[in-house]
Protein backbone atom coordinates (compact mmCIF):
# COMPACT_ATOMS: atom_id res chain seq x y z
CA UNK A 1 22.63 11.92 26.50
CA UNK A 2 24.56 11.62 23.22
CA UNK A 3 23.64 7.92 22.99
CA UNK A 4 19.96 8.92 22.92
CA UNK A 5 20.64 11.29 20.03
CA UNK A 6 22.36 8.52 18.08
CA UNK A 7 19.47 6.10 18.75
CA UNK A 8 16.93 8.73 17.73
CA UNK A 9 18.85 9.45 14.54
CA UNK A 10 18.97 5.74 13.66
CA UNK A 11 15.26 5.39 14.42
CA UNK A 12 14.50 8.44 12.28
CA UNK A 13 16.48 6.91 9.42
CA UNK A 14 14.52 3.65 9.66
CA UNK A 15 11.19 5.48 9.75
CA UNK A 16 12.19 7.64 6.78
CA UNK A 17 13.26 4.55 4.83
CA UNK A 18 9.94 2.85 5.56
CA UNK A 19 7.84 5.84 4.49
CA UNK A 20 10.04 7.22 1.71
CA UNK A 21 8.90 4.72 -0.91
CA UNK A 22 9.62 4.56 -4.61
CA UNK A 23 7.64 6.94 -6.81
CA UNK A 24 7.61 5.67 -10.40
CA UNK A 25 4.92 8.01 -11.72
CA UNK A 26 7.19 9.36 -14.45
CA UNK A 27 7.29 5.88 -16.03
CA UNK A 28 3.56 5.98 -16.83
CA UNK A 29 1.70 7.61 -19.71
CA UNK A 30 -0.20 10.71 -18.46
CA UNK A 31 -3.16 9.81 -20.68
CA UNK A 32 -3.30 6.31 -19.16
CA UNK A 33 -3.18 7.82 -15.66
CA UNK A 34 -5.99 10.33 -16.30
CA UNK A 35 -8.17 7.73 -17.98
CA UNK A 36 -7.78 5.10 -15.23
CA UNK A 37 -7.63 6.95 -11.90
CA UNK A 38 -11.02 5.63 -10.81
CA UNK A 39 -10.05 2.04 -11.61
CA UNK A 40 -6.82 2.54 -9.65
CA UNK A 41 -8.82 3.77 -6.64
CA UNK A 42 -10.99 0.63 -6.72
CA UNK A 43 -7.84 -1.47 -6.25
CA UNK A 44 -7.73 -0.45 -2.59
CA UNK A 45 -11.33 -1.31 -1.74
CA UNK A 46 -11.07 -5.02 -0.98
CA UNK A 47 -13.10 -7.27 -3.27
CA UNK A 48 -13.68 -4.38 -5.68
CA UNK A 49 -10.14 -5.03 -6.93
CA UNK A 50 -11.79 -7.55 -9.25
CA UNK A 51 -13.38 -4.73 -11.30
CA UNK A 52 -10.12 -3.09 -12.45
CA UNK A 53 -8.58 -6.53 -12.92
CA UNK A 54 -11.33 -7.43 -15.38
CA UNK A 55 -11.96 -4.02 -16.97
CA UNK A 56 -8.61 -2.22 -17.12
CA UNK A 57 -5.88 -4.82 -16.73
CA UNK A 58 -4.21 -3.61 -19.95
CA UNK A 59 -3.40 -0.30 -18.24
CA UNK A 60 0.14 -0.18 -16.84
CA UNK A 61 -1.00 2.35 -14.23
CA UNK A 62 -3.87 0.11 -13.08
CA UNK A 63 -1.56 -2.92 -12.97
CA UNK A 64 0.68 -1.05 -10.56
CA UNK A 65 -2.25 -0.29 -8.26
CA UNK A 66 -3.65 -3.84 -8.58
CA UNK A 67 -0.32 -5.07 -7.23
CA UNK A 68 -0.41 -2.56 -4.37
CA UNK A 69 -4.02 -3.53 -3.55
CA UNK A 70 -3.15 -7.24 -3.58
CA UNK A 71 -0.24 -6.59 -1.21
CA UNK A 72 -2.64 -4.79 1.10
CA UNK A 73 -5.17 -7.65 0.97
CA UNK A 74 -2.48 -10.25 1.73
CA UNK A 75 -1.19 -8.10 4.60
CA UNK A 76 -4.72 -7.81 6.02
CA UNK A 77 -5.23 -11.58 5.76
CA UNK A 78 -1.95 -12.25 7.57
CA UNK A 79 -2.96 -9.83 10.32
CA UNK A 80 -6.38 -11.51 10.61
CA UNK A 81 -4.74 -14.92 11.02
CA UNK A 82 -2.32 -13.60 13.65
CA UNK A 83 -5.29 -11.90 15.30
CA UNK A 84 -6.78 -15.33 16.03
CA UNK A 85 -4.06 -16.16 18.55
CA UNK A 86 -4.92 -15.63 22.20
CA UNK A 87 -3.16 -12.93 24.24
CA UNK A 88 -1.58 -11.00 21.36
CA UNK A 89 -4.44 -11.42 18.90
CA UNK A 90 -6.56 -8.51 20.04
CA UNK A 91 -3.71 -6.05 20.07
CA UNK A 92 -2.41 -7.19 16.69
CA UNK A 93 -5.90 -7.06 15.22
CA UNK A 94 -6.58 -3.55 16.51
CA UNK A 95 -3.22 -2.05 15.54
CA UNK A 96 -3.13 -4.02 12.28
CA UNK A 97 -6.59 -2.81 11.34
CA UNK A 98 -5.51 0.77 11.91
CA UNK A 99 -2.35 0.26 9.83
CA UNK A 100 -4.40 -1.32 7.02
CA UNK A 101 -6.82 1.59 7.08
CA UNK A 102 -3.97 4.10 6.86
CA UNK A 103 -2.32 2.18 4.01
CA UNK A 104 -5.66 1.93 2.18
CA UNK A 105 -6.18 5.69 2.45
CA UNK A 106 -2.63 6.35 1.28
CA UNK A 107 -3.19 4.11 -1.74
CA UNK A 108 -6.48 5.80 -2.59
CA UNK A 109 -4.87 9.24 -2.33
CA UNK A 110 -1.93 8.17 -4.50
CA UNK A 111 -4.29 6.78 -7.15
CA UNK A 112 -6.54 9.85 -7.05
CA UNK A 113 -3.52 12.12 -7.50
CA UNK A 114 -2.33 10.01 -10.42
CA UNK A 115 0.78 8.84 -8.61
CA UNK A 116 2.43 5.44 -8.83
CA UNK A 117 3.99 5.47 -5.38
CA UNK A 118 4.58 2.29 -3.39
CA UNK A 119 2.80 1.84 -0.07
CA UNK A 120 5.05 1.92 3.00
CA UNK A 121 6.09 -1.45 4.46
CA UNK A 122 4.31 -3.63 1.88
CA UNK A 123 4.51 -1.87 -1.46
CA UNK A 124 7.87 -3.19 -2.57
CA UNK A 125 6.53 -6.73 -2.98
CA UNK A 126 5.42 -7.87 -6.40
CA UNK A 127 2.36 -10.12 -6.51
CA UNK A 128 0.98 -9.06 -9.91
CA UNK A 129 2.68 -7.79 -13.03
C-alpha cells in the first residue's frame, strides 16, 4: 500500500513539473502587453501567426507568443506525421489533436490575460527569438 503512495507522489511531482511552467510576465513592459494582446492571441491560431510576425514582431511580448505558437505548430505537425502510421496512428492523432486543442486554448488565455507563461510540455523550446 505504501508503494502506491510513493508512486502516486512521484507521478504527482512529474505532472506538476509539466504543468507548472515558467511565468516571465514581469519581464515585459505593461504598455507593450496591453497594446499587443490581440496580436499575441493570433499566434495560437495556426497560419494567422504570420500576421503578428509581420505587424508586431518588434514587440517583446508578441515575440514570446510567436515562439509559443511556433512550438505548437511544430508539435501538431509531428503528431500529424506520427498519425500516418498504421495501428497507432488513429489513437495518436485523436489524443494529439485533443492535446493541441488544450494547449492552443491555454496559449490564447495566457495571451488574453497579458501573461507570458510557457505552454506545458512544449513551451520551453526556443524556435524564435
